[in-house]
C-alpha atoms as a PDB file:
ATOM      1  CA  MET A   1      21.246 -77.314  -1.800  1.00  0.00           C
ATOM      2  CA  GLN A   2      17.824 -78.027  -0.902  1.00  0.00           C
ATOM      3  CA  PHE A   3      14.817 -78.673  -3.596  1.00  0.00           C
ATOM      4  CA  LEU A   4      11.328 -78.660  -3.149  1.00  0.00           C
ATOM      5  CA  LEU A   5       9.852 -81.277  -5.315  1.00  0.00           C
ATOM      6  CA  LEU A   6       6.119 -80.069  -5.831  1.00  0.00           C
ATOM      7  CA  ILE A   7       4.176 -83.570  -7.145  1.00  0.00           C
ATOM      8  CA  TYR A   8       0.922 -82.610  -9.151  1.00  0.00           C
ATOM      9  CA  ILE A   9      -1.538 -84.866  -9.964  1.00  0.00           C
ATOM     10  CA  ASP A  10      -4.050 -85.174 -12.921  1.00  0.00           C
ATOM     11  CA  GLU A  11      -6.873 -86.662 -11.154  1.00  0.00           C
ATOM     12  CA  ALA A  12      -8.274 -88.376 -14.469  1.00  0.00           C
ATOM     13  CA  LEU A  13      -4.943 -90.057 -14.860  1.00  0.00           C
ATOM     14  CA  ILE A  14      -4.944 -91.526 -11.308  1.00  0.00           C
ATOM     15  CA  GLN A  15      -8.474 -92.471 -10.890  1.00  0.00           C
ATOM     16  CA  ASP A  16      -7.630 -94.847 -13.997  1.00  0.00           C
ATOM     17  CA  VAL A  17      -5.128 -96.874 -11.730  1.00  0.00           C
ATOM     18  CA  PRO A  18      -6.788 -99.922 -10.246  1.00  0.00           C
ATOM     19  CA  ALA A  19      -6.378 -99.833  -6.693  1.00  0.00           C
ATOM     20  CA  GLU A  20      -4.074-102.711  -6.296  1.00  0.00           C
ATOM     21  CA  GLU A  21      -1.446-100.837  -8.423  1.00  0.00           C
ATOM     22  CA  TYR A  22      -2.093 -97.753  -6.695  1.00  0.00           C
ATOM     23  CA  ASP A  23      -1.185 -99.261  -3.269  1.00  0.00           C
ATOM     24  CA  ALA A  24       1.826-101.285  -4.478  1.00  0.00           C
ATOM     25  CA  MET A  25       2.825 -97.971  -6.005  1.00  0.00           C
ATOM     26  CA  MET A  26       2.412 -95.892  -3.057  1.00  0.00           C
ATOM     27  CA  ARG A  27       4.348 -98.577  -1.059  1.00  0.00           C
ATOM     28  CA  GLY A  28       7.364 -98.414  -3.105  1.00  0.00           C
ATOM     29  CA  CYS A  29       7.068 -94.286  -3.061  1.00  0.00           C
ATOM     30  CA  ILE A  30       7.008 -94.649   0.918  1.00  0.00           C
ATOM     31  CA  GLN A  31       9.813 -97.219   0.969  1.00  0.00           C
ATOM     32  CA  HIS A  32      12.000 -95.105  -1.664  1.00  0.00           C
ATOM     33  CA  ALA A  33      11.360 -92.192   0.861  1.00  0.00           C
ATOM     34  CA  ASP A  34      12.168 -93.989   3.662  1.00  0.00           C
ATOM     35  CA  LYS A  35      15.302 -95.339   2.179  1.00  0.00           C
ATOM     36  CA  LEU A  36      16.158 -91.120   1.002  1.00  0.00           C
ATOM     37  CA  LYS A  37      15.230 -89.658   4.321  1.00  0.00           C
ATOM     38  CA  ALA A  38      17.749 -92.821   6.299  1.00  0.00           C
ATOM     39  CA  GLU A  39      20.552 -91.425   3.648  1.00  0.00           C
ATOM     40  CA  GLY A  40      19.807 -87.759   4.768  1.00  0.00           C
ATOM     41  CA  THR A  41      18.519 -86.740   1.234  1.00  0.00           C
ATOM     42  CA  LEU A  42      14.971 -86.485   2.359  1.00  0.00           C
ATOM     43  CA  VAL A  43      14.439 -83.810   4.557  1.00  0.00           C
ATOM     44  CA  ALA A  44      10.599 -83.641   4.676  1.00  0.00           C
ATOM     45  CA  SER A  45       7.428 -85.078   2.715  1.00  0.00           C
ATOM     46  CA  GLN A  46       3.645 -84.872   3.225  1.00  0.00           C
ATOM     47  CA  GLN A  47       0.704 -86.040   0.951  1.00  0.00           C
ATOM     48  CA  LEU A  48      -2.116 -83.147   0.843  1.00  0.00           C
ATOM     49  CA  GLU A  49      -5.792 -83.928   1.144  1.00  0.00           C
ATOM     50  CA  PRO A  50      -7.734 -83.345  -2.118  1.00  0.00           C
ATOM     51  CA  VAL A  51      -8.273 -79.379  -3.630  1.00  0.00           C
ATOM     52  CA  ALA A  52     -12.022 -79.951  -2.178  1.00  0.00           C
ATOM     53  CA  GLU A  53     -10.500 -79.219   1.348  1.00  0.00           C
ATOM     54  CA  ALA A  54      -8.406 -76.132  -0.185  1.00  0.00           C
ATOM     55  CA  ARG A  55      -9.086 -72.343   0.579  1.00  0.00           C
ATOM     56  CA  THR A  56      -7.479 -69.668  -1.433  1.00  0.00           C
ATOM     57  CA  LEU A  57      -7.134 -66.378   0.405  1.00  0.00           C
ATOM     58  CA  ARG A  58      -6.057 -62.851  -1.585  1.00  0.00           C
ATOM     59  CA  THR A  59      -5.918 -59.440  -0.284  1.00  0.00           C
ATOM     60  CA  ARG A  60      -6.475 -56.906  -2.596  1.00  0.00           C
ATOM     61  CA  GLN A  61      -6.571 -53.004  -1.614  1.00  0.00           C
ATOM     62  CA  SER A  62      -7.089 -54.399   1.882  1.00  0.00           C
ATOM     63  CA  GLN A  63     -10.195 -56.523   1.021  1.00  0.00           C
ATOM     64  CA  ALA A  64      -9.247 -60.005   2.118  1.00  0.00           C
ATOM     65  CA  ARG A  65     -11.409 -62.517   0.209  1.00  0.00           C
ATOM     66  CA  ILE A  66     -11.449 -66.540   0.556  1.00  0.00           C
ATOM     67  CA  THR A  67     -12.484 -68.681  -2.009  1.00  0.00           C
ATOM     68  CA  ASP A  68     -12.786 -72.587  -2.109  1.00  0.00           C
ATOM     69  CA  GLY A  69     -10.282 -74.487  -3.560  1.00  0.00           C
ATOM     70  CA  PRO A  70      -6.896 -74.152  -5.478  1.00  0.00           C
ATOM     71  CA  PHE A  71      -5.979 -70.718  -6.561  1.00  0.00           C
ATOM     72  CA  ALA A  72      -5.509 -71.574 -10.386  1.00  0.00           C
ATOM     73  CA  GLU A  73      -7.954 -73.532 -12.629  1.00  0.00           C
ATOM     74  CA  THR A  74      -5.612 -76.617 -13.866  1.00  0.00           C
ATOM     75  CA  ARG A  75      -6.020 -80.127 -14.849  1.00  0.00           C
ATOM     76  CA  GLU A  76      -2.936 -80.942 -12.475  1.00  0.00           C
ATOM     77  CA  LEU A  77      -3.618 -80.294  -9.051  1.00  0.00           C
ATOM     78  CA  LEU A  78      -1.026 -80.137  -6.165  1.00  0.00           C
ATOM     79  CA  ALA A  79      -1.108 -83.374  -4.564  1.00  0.00           C
ATOM     80  CA  GLY A  80       2.100 -83.248  -2.015  1.00  0.00           C
ATOM     81  CA  PHE A  81       5.834 -82.376  -1.631  1.00  0.00           C
ATOM     82  CA  ASN A  82       9.239 -83.270  -1.088  1.00  0.00           C
ATOM     83  CA  LEU A  83      11.669 -81.097   0.345  1.00  0.00           C
ATOM     84  CA  ILE A  84      15.206 -82.941  -0.681  1.00  0.00           C
ATOM     85  CA  ASN A  85      18.955 -82.029  -0.085  1.00  0.00           C
ATOM     86  CA  ALA A  86      20.670 -82.170  -3.187  1.00  0.00           C
ATOM     87  CA  ARG A  87      24.371 -81.119  -4.658  1.00  0.00           C
ATOM     88  CA  ASP A  88      22.383 -79.586  -7.835  1.00  0.00           C
ATOM     89  CA  HIS A  89      19.305 -79.061  -9.931  1.00  0.00           C
ATOM     90  CA  ASP A  90      20.003 -82.069 -12.052  1.00  0.00           C
ATOM     91  CA  GLU A  91      20.728 -84.447  -8.884  1.00  0.00           C
ATOM     92  CA  ALA A  92      17.297 -83.223  -7.845  1.00  0.00           C
ATOM     93  CA  LEU A  93      15.992 -83.974 -11.378  1.00  0.00           C
ATOM     94  CA  ARG A  94      17.319 -87.715 -10.910  1.00  0.00           C
ATOM     95  CA  ILE A  95      15.648 -87.896  -7.332  1.00  0.00           C
ATOM     96  CA  ALA A  96      12.265 -86.795  -8.671  1.00  0.00           C
ATOM     97  CA  GLN A  97      12.620 -89.180 -11.602  1.00  0.00           C
ATOM     98  CA  ALA A  98      12.644 -92.136  -9.211  1.00  0.00           C
ATOM     99  CA  PHE A  99       8.797 -91.128  -8.004  1.00  0.00           C
ATOM    100  CA  PRO A 100       6.559 -92.494  -9.983  1.00  0.00           C
ATOM    101  CA  TRP A 101       4.077 -89.435  -9.998  1.00  0.00           C
ATOM    102  CA  SER A 102       5.106 -87.824 -13.179  1.00  0.00           C
ATOM    103  CA  ARG A 103       3.395 -90.545 -14.937  1.00  0.00           C
ATOM    104  CA  TYR A 104       0.313 -89.053 -13.630  1.00  0.00           C
ATOM    105  CA  GLY A 105       0.765 -85.583 -13.918  1.00  0.00           C
ATOM    106  CA  SER A 106       4.226 -83.800 -12.900  1.00  0.00           C
ATOM    107  CA  ILE A 107       6.637 -82.945 -10.734  1.00  0.00           C
ATOM    108  CA  GLU A 108       8.286 -79.359 -10.202  1.00  0.00           C
ATOM    109  CA  VAL A 109      11.909 -79.224  -9.065  1.00  0.00           C
ATOM    110  CA  ARG A 110      12.754 -76.013  -7.457  1.00  0.00           C
ATOM    111  CA  PRO A 111      15.118 -74.257  -5.669  1.00  0.00           C
ATOM    112  CA  VAL A 112      14.463 -73.274  -2.130  1.00  0.00           C
ATOM    113  CA  ALA A 113      16.243 -69.841  -1.587  1.00  0.00           C
ATOM    114  CA  ASP A 114      18.087 -68.999   1.426  1.00  0.00           C
ATOM    115  CA  PHE A 115      15.864 -67.483   3.573  1.00  0.00           C
ATOM    116  CA  GLU A 116      18.340 -66.754   6.464  1.00  0.00           C
ATOM    117  CA  ALA A 117      20.348 -64.597   3.888  1.00  0.00           C
ATOM    118  CA  GLU A 118      17.067 -63.062   2.949  1.00  0.00           C
ATOM    119  CA  ARG A 119      16.189 -62.432   6.867  1.00  0.00           C
ATOM    120  CA  ARG A 120      19.785 -60.747   7.086  1.00  0.00           C
ATOM    121  CA  ARG A 121      19.541 -58.546   3.873  1.00  0.00           C
ATOM    122  CA  VAL A 122      16.056 -56.994   5.444  1.00  0.00           C
ATOM    123  CA  GLY A 123      17.351 -57.004   8.909  1.00  0.00           C
ATOM    124  CA  ALA A 124      14.885 -59.009  10.527  1.00  0.00           C
END
């Protein structure tokens, strides 16, 4: 099964981390991600640009509206993601716990749907 680990950060908490500590934490994360990738567990990962760079598109009654920033008003902002392979939700949660980011926000662990099954279902 594949799971998406959505990394949310509370900017107020992360700003209080000294630069040297943040850099050491990031190096550890990158090394851990490299190990997971070599094992075949980590499929893809990316850090996102700050929310100031985000745009949100909504279409209602055939009217497209684009607004600056994220869709939801929240303290925690989507900062990145990891796409992983895991046997089940429990293993995916154990993998997520190895990353430090839940101390500065949260990590949402969500199963990835079988899109090819959906493609077959709708005949596309």
